[in-house]
Amino acid sequence: MLGIIAALAYGILAMIGGIIGYKQAGSKISLLSGSISGLLLIVAAFAQLQGQTWGLTLAAVVTAVLVIVFVSRLVKTRKLMPAGLMTGFGVLALVLILNQIIVGS
């Protein structure tokens, strides 16, 4: 269950981050990528809640991609906000999602 909660929370955080990126920097790509990735994570969480086994797999893939993107941004910018924050939360979410896939609780 923690994996589902982590996917849902990280999805909401991604959407909020995309909106903030758009409002602060006028970045349409932040809005688009945050909205799409956030929506995918939320859909994955709800699919898993409905018993669809592909839900956590989708959440793990989306989260892993986001972690890679934010790690590369963190290395490039060396700024904790937002890249460091999203990397940290992404790694935590990915661990919880993978744990639920592997252990199956």
N, C-alpha and C. Protein backbone atom coordinates (compact mmCIF):
# COMPACT_ATOMS: atom_id res chain seq x y z
N MET A 1 0.82 -1.21 0.00
CA MET A 1 0.00 0.00 0.00
C MET A 1 0.86 1.27 0.00
N LEU A 2 2.05 1.19 0.63
CA LEU A 2 2.93 2.36 0.66
C LEU A 2 3.40 2.76 -0.74
N GLY A 3 3.56 1.78 -1.61
CA GLY A 3 3.95 2.09 -2.98
C GLY A 3 2.90 2.89 -3.72
N ILE A 4 1.65 2.53 -3.49
CA ILE A 4 0.53 3.26 -4.11
C ILE A 4 0.48 4.69 -3.59
N ILE A 5 0.63 4.84 -2.28
CA ILE A 5 0.61 6.17 -1.68
C ILE A 5 1.79 7.00 -2.20
N ALA A 6 2.96 6.37 -2.32
CA ALA A 6 4.14 7.07 -2.83
C ALA A 6 3.94 7.52 -4.27
N ALA A 7 3.36 6.66 -5.09
CA ALA A 7 3.09 7.03 -6.49
C ALA A 7 2.12 8.19 -6.58
N LEU A 8 1.08 8.12 -5.77
CA LEU A 8 0.08 9.20 -5.76
C LEU A 8 0.70 10.51 -5.29
N ALA A 9 1.45 10.46 -4.20
CA ALA A 9 2.07 11.68 -3.66
C ALA A 9 3.09 12.27 -4.63
N TYR A 10 3.91 11.42 -5.24
CA TYR A 10 4.93 11.91 -6.17
C TYR A 10 4.27 12.47 -7.44
N GLY A 11 3.16 11.88 -7.83
CA GLY A 11 2.41 12.40 -8.98
C GLY A 11 1.86 13.79 -8.70
N ILE A 12 1.29 13.96 -7.51
CA ILE A 12 0.77 15.28 -7.13
C ILE A 12 1.92 16.29 -7.05
N LEU A 13 3.04 15.88 -6.46
CA LEU A 13 4.21 16.76 -6.36
C LEU A 13 4.73 17.16 -7.74
N ALA A 14 4.75 16.21 -8.68
CA ALA A 14 5.20 16.51 -10.04
C ALA A 14 4.28 17.53 -10.71
N MET A 15 2.99 17.37 -10.51
CA MET A 15 2.04 18.32 -11.11
C MET A 15 2.19 19.71 -10.50
N ILE A 16 2.32 19.77 -9.19
CA ILE A 16 2.50 21.06 -8.51
C ILE A 16 3.81 21.71 -8.97
N GLY A 17 4.86 20.90 -9.09
CA GLY A 17 6.15 21.41 -9.56
C GLY A 17 6.07 21.97 -10.96
N GLY A 18 5.33 21.31 -11.82
CA GLY A 18 5.15 21.80 -13.18
C GLY A 18 4.43 23.14 -13.22
N ILE A 19 3.43 23.28 -12.38
CA ILE A 19 2.67 24.53 -12.30
C ILE A 19 3.56 25.65 -11.76
N ILE A 20 4.33 25.34 -10.72
CA ILE A 20 5.24 26.35 -10.14
C ILE A 20 6.29 26.75 -11.16
N GLY A 21 6.84 25.79 -11.88
CA GLY A 21 7.84 26.09 -12.91
C GLY A 21 7.29 26.99 -13.99
N TYR A 22 6.03 26.77 -14.34
CA TYR A 22 5.39 27.61 -15.34
C TYR A 22 5.15 29.02 -14.80
N LYS A 23 4.65 29.11 -13.57
CA LYS A 23 4.35 30.43 -13.00
C LYS A 23 5.61 31.25 -12.74
N GLN A 24 6.67 30.60 -12.28
CA GLN A 24 7.89 31.34 -11.93
C GLN A 24 8.76 31.66 -13.14
N ALA A 25 8.89 30.72 -14.04
CA ALA A 25 9.82 30.91 -15.15
C ALA A 25 9.14 30.95 -16.52
N GLY A 26 7.83 30.78 -16.53
CA GLY A 26 7.12 30.76 -17.81
C GLY A 26 7.45 29.54 -18.64
N SER A 27 7.89 28.47 -17.97
CA SER A 27 8.32 27.26 -18.67
C SER A 27 7.13 26.37 -19.02
N LYS A 28 6.77 26.40 -20.29
CA LYS A 28 5.67 25.55 -20.76
C LYS A 28 6.07 24.08 -20.70
N ILE A 29 7.35 23.79 -20.90
CA ILE A 29 7.82 22.40 -20.85
C ILE A 29 7.68 21.86 -19.43
N SER A 30 7.90 22.69 -18.40
CA SER A 30 7.70 22.25 -17.02
C SER A 30 6.24 21.93 -16.77
N LEU A 31 5.38 22.78 -17.26
CA LEU A 31 3.95 22.57 -17.08
C LEU A 31 3.50 21.28 -17.78
N LEU A 32 3.96 21.10 -19.01
CA LEU A 32 3.57 19.93 -19.79
C LEU A 32 4.15 18.64 -19.20
N SER A 33 5.44 18.64 -18.91
CA SER A 33 6.06 17.42 -18.40
C SER A 33 5.57 17.09 -16.98
N GLY A 34 5.40 18.11 -16.15
CA GLY A 34 4.88 17.89 -14.81
C GLY A 34 3.45 17.36 -14.84
N SER A 35 2.65 17.91 -15.73
CA SER A 35 1.26 17.46 -15.84
C SER A 35 1.16 16.03 -16.36
N ILE A 36 1.92 15.74 -17.40
CA ILE A 36 1.86 14.39 -17.99
C ILE A 36 2.40 13.34 -17.02
N SER A 37 3.58 13.59 -16.46
CA SER A 37 4.16 12.59 -15.56
C SER A 37 3.33 12.46 -14.29
N GLY A 38 2.84 13.58 -13.76
CA GLY A 38 2.00 13.53 -12.58
C GLY A 38 0.70 12.77 -12.83
N LEU A 39 0.09 13.03 -13.96
CA LEU A 39 -1.16 12.35 -14.31
C LEU A 39 -0.91 10.85 -14.49
N LEU A 40 0.19 10.49 -15.13
CA LEU A 40 0.51 9.06 -15.30
C LEU A 40 0.69 8.37 -13.95
N LEU A 41 1.35 9.05 -13.01
CA LEU A 41 1.55 8.46 -11.69
C LEU A 41 0.23 8.32 -10.92
N ILE A 42 -0.62 9.31 -11.04
CA ILE A 42 -1.92 9.25 -10.37
C ILE A 42 -2.79 8.15 -10.98
N VAL A 43 -2.81 8.06 -12.29
CA VAL A 43 -3.55 6.98 -12.97
C VAL A 43 -3.00 5.62 -12.56
N ALA A 44 -1.68 5.50 -12.49
CA ALA A 44 -1.06 4.24 -12.09
C ALA A 44 -1.46 3.85 -10.67
N ALA A 45 -1.47 4.82 -9.76
CA ALA A 45 -1.86 4.53 -8.38
C ALA A 45 -3.32 4.07 -8.30
N PHE A 46 -4.20 4.75 -9.00
CA PHE A 46 -5.61 4.36 -8.97
C PHE A 46 -5.84 3.03 -9.68
N ALA A 47 -5.08 2.76 -10.73
CA ALA A 47 -5.19 1.46 -11.40
C ALA A 47 -4.79 0.34 -10.44
N GLN A 48 -3.72 0.54 -9.71
CA GLN A 48 -3.27 -0.47 -8.76
C GLN A 48 -4.32 -0.66 -7.65
N LEU A 49 -4.92 0.42 -7.21
CA LEU A 49 -5.99 0.31 -6.20
C LEU A 49 -7.18 -0.50 -6.72
N GLN A 50 -7.40 -0.45 -8.03
CA GLN A 50 -8.49 -1.21 -8.65
C GLN A 50 -8.09 -2.65 -8.97
N GLY A 51 -6.88 -3.03 -8.57
CA GLY A 51 -6.42 -4.40 -8.80
C GLY A 51 -5.71 -4.63 -10.11
N GLN A 52 -5.42 -3.57 -10.83
CA GLN A 52 -4.69 -3.69 -12.10
C GLN A 52 -3.20 -3.81 -11.79
N THR A 53 -2.63 -4.96 -12.07
CA THR A 53 -1.24 -5.21 -11.67
C THR A 53 -0.23 -4.35 -12.43
N TRP A 54 -0.62 -3.79 -13.54
CA TRP A 54 0.29 -2.95 -14.31
C TRP A 54 0.47 -1.57 -13.69
N GLY A 55 -0.37 -1.22 -12.73
CA GLY A 55 -0.32 0.12 -12.14
C GLY A 55 1.02 0.45 -11.51
N LEU A 56 1.51 -0.44 -10.65
CA LEU A 56 2.80 -0.16 -10.00
C LEU A 56 3.96 -0.24 -10.97
N THR A 57 3.84 -1.08 -11.99
CA THR A 57 4.91 -1.15 -13.00
C THR A 57 5.01 0.18 -13.73
N LEU A 58 3.88 0.73 -14.13
CA LEU A 58 3.87 2.05 -14.77
C LEU A 58 4.44 3.10 -13.83
N ALA A 59 4.02 3.06 -12.57
CA ALA A 59 4.52 4.03 -11.59
C ALA A 59 6.03 3.92 -11.42
N ALA A 60 6.55 2.71 -11.40
CA ALA A 60 8.00 2.52 -11.25
C ALA A 60 8.76 3.06 -12.45
N VAL A 61 8.24 2.83 -13.64
CA VAL A 61 8.91 3.32 -14.85
C VAL A 61 8.90 4.84 -14.90
N VAL A 62 7.75 5.45 -14.66
CA VAL A 62 7.64 6.91 -14.69
C VAL A 62 8.53 7.53 -13.62
N THR A 63 8.50 6.97 -12.43
CA THR A 63 9.32 7.50 -11.34
C THR A 63 10.80 7.36 -11.65
N ALA A 64 11.21 6.23 -12.21
CA ALA A 64 12.63 6.03 -12.56
C ALA A 64 13.07 7.04 -13.61
N VAL A 65 12.22 7.30 -14.59
CA VAL A 65 12.56 8.29 -15.62
C VAL A 65 12.70 9.67 -14.99
N LEU A 66 11.77 10.02 -14.11
CA LEU A 66 11.85 11.33 -13.45
C LEU A 66 13.11 11.45 -12.58
N VAL A 67 13.47 10.38 -11.88
CA VAL A 67 14.69 10.42 -11.07
C VAL A 67 15.90 10.66 -11.96
N ILE A 68 15.98 9.99 -13.08
CA ILE A 68 17.10 10.18 -14.01
C ILE A 68 17.14 11.63 -14.51
N VAL A 69 15.99 12.16 -14.89
CA VAL A 69 15.91 13.54 -15.37
C VAL A 69 16.36 14.52 -14.28
N PHE A 70 15.87 14.33 -13.07
CA PHE A 70 16.20 15.27 -12.00
C PHE A 70 17.63 15.10 -11.50
N VAL A 71 18.18 13.90 -11.56
CA VAL A 71 19.60 13.73 -11.21
C VAL A 71 20.47 14.48 -12.21
N SER A 72 20.13 14.38 -13.49
CA SER A 72 20.92 15.09 -14.50
C SER A 72 20.80 16.60 -14.33
N ARG A 73 19.61 17.09 -13.96
CA ARG A 73 19.45 18.52 -13.70
C ARG A 73 20.21 18.95 -12.45
N LEU A 74 20.22 18.10 -11.43
CA LEU A 74 20.94 18.40 -10.20
C LEU A 74 22.43 18.49 -10.46
N VAL A 75 22.95 17.56 -11.26
CA VAL A 75 24.38 17.59 -11.60
C VAL A 75 24.70 18.85 -12.40
N LYS A 76 23.81 19.20 -13.30
CA LYS A 76 24.03 20.37 -14.17
C LYS A 76 23.92 21.69 -13.41
N THR A 77 22.87 21.83 -12.59
CA THR A 77 22.61 23.12 -11.94
C THR A 77 23.15 23.21 -10.52
N ARG A 78 23.31 22.07 -9.87
CA ARG A 78 23.74 21.99 -8.47
C ARG A 78 22.81 22.77 -7.54
N LYS A 79 21.55 22.86 -7.94
CA LYS A 79 20.55 23.56 -7.13
C LYS A 79 19.64 22.54 -6.46
N LEU A 80 19.46 22.73 -5.16
CA LEU A 80 18.61 21.82 -4.41
C LEU A 80 17.15 21.94 -4.82
N MET A 81 16.73 23.13 -5.18
CA MET A 81 15.35 23.35 -5.59
C MET A 81 15.28 23.61 -7.08
N PRO A 82 14.54 22.91 -7.83
CA PRO A 82 13.69 21.78 -7.47
C PRO A 82 14.35 20.42 -7.67
N ALA A 83 15.51 20.41 -8.35
CA ALA A 83 16.10 19.13 -8.77
C ALA A 83 16.45 18.23 -7.59
N GLY A 84 17.06 18.77 -6.56
CA GLY A 84 17.44 17.96 -5.41
C GLY A 84 16.24 17.41 -4.67
N LEU A 85 15.25 18.25 -4.49
CA LEU A 85 14.02 17.84 -3.81
C LEU A 85 13.31 16.73 -4.59
N MET A 86 13.16 16.91 -5.87
CA MET A 86 12.46 15.91 -6.69
C MET A 86 13.28 14.63 -6.80
N THR A 87 14.60 14.74 -6.79
CA THR A 87 15.43 13.54 -6.81
C THR A 87 15.24 12.75 -5.52
N GLY A 88 15.32 13.44 -4.40
CA GLY A 88 15.17 12.77 -3.11
C GLY A 88 13.81 12.11 -2.95
N PHE A 89 12.76 12.85 -3.24
CA PHE A 89 11.42 12.28 -3.13
C PHE A 89 11.21 11.17 -4.16
N GLY A 90 11.82 11.34 -5.33
CA GLY A 90 11.69 10.32 -6.38
C GLY A 90 12.36 9.01 -5.98
N VAL A 91 13.54 9.10 -5.40
CA VAL A 91 14.24 7.88 -4.95
C VAL A 91 13.42 7.19 -3.85
N LEU A 92 12.91 7.97 -2.91
CA LEU A 92 12.09 7.39 -1.84
C LEU A 92 10.84 6.73 -2.43
N ALA A 93 10.17 7.41 -3.33
CA ALA A 93 8.97 6.85 -3.95
C ALA A 93 9.30 5.57 -4.72
N LEU A 94 10.41 5.59 -5.45
CA LEU A 94 10.79 4.42 -6.24
C LEU A 94 11.10 3.23 -5.34
N VAL A 95 11.78 3.46 -4.23
CA VAL A 95 12.06 2.37 -3.29
C VAL A 95 10.76 1.79 -2.76
N LEU A 96 9.82 2.63 -2.38
CA LEU A 96 8.54 2.15 -1.85
C LEU A 96 7.73 1.41 -2.90
N ILE A 97 7.74 1.92 -4.13
CA ILE A 97 7.00 1.27 -5.22
C ILE A 97 7.62 -0.09 -5.53
N LEU A 98 8.95 -0.14 -5.66
CA LEU A 98 9.62 -1.41 -5.97
C LEU A 98 9.45 -2.40 -4.83
N ASN A 99 9.48 -1.92 -3.60
CA ASN A 99 9.26 -2.80 -2.45
C ASN A 99 7.87 -3.44 -2.52
N GLN A 100 6.87 -2.65 -2.89
CA GLN A 100 5.52 -3.20 -2.99
C GLN A 100 5.43 -4.20 -4.14
N ILE A 101 6.13 -3.93 -5.24
CA ILE A 101 6.12 -4.87 -6.37
C ILE A 101 6.77 -6.18 -5.96
N ILE A 102 7.92 -6.08 -5.30
CA ILE A 102 8.71 -7.27 -4.96
C ILE A 102 8.07 -8.06 -3.81
N VAL A 103 7.75 -7.35 -2.73
CA VAL A 103 7.20 -8.01 -1.55
C VAL A 103 5.72 -8.34 -1.75
N GLY A 104 5.04 -7.43 -2.44
CA GLY A 104 3.62 -7.66 -2.75
C GLY A 104 2.68 -7.42 -1.59
N SER A 105 2.98 -6.40 -0.79
CA SER A 105 2.08 -6.13 0.34
C SER A 105 1.05 -5.09 0.01
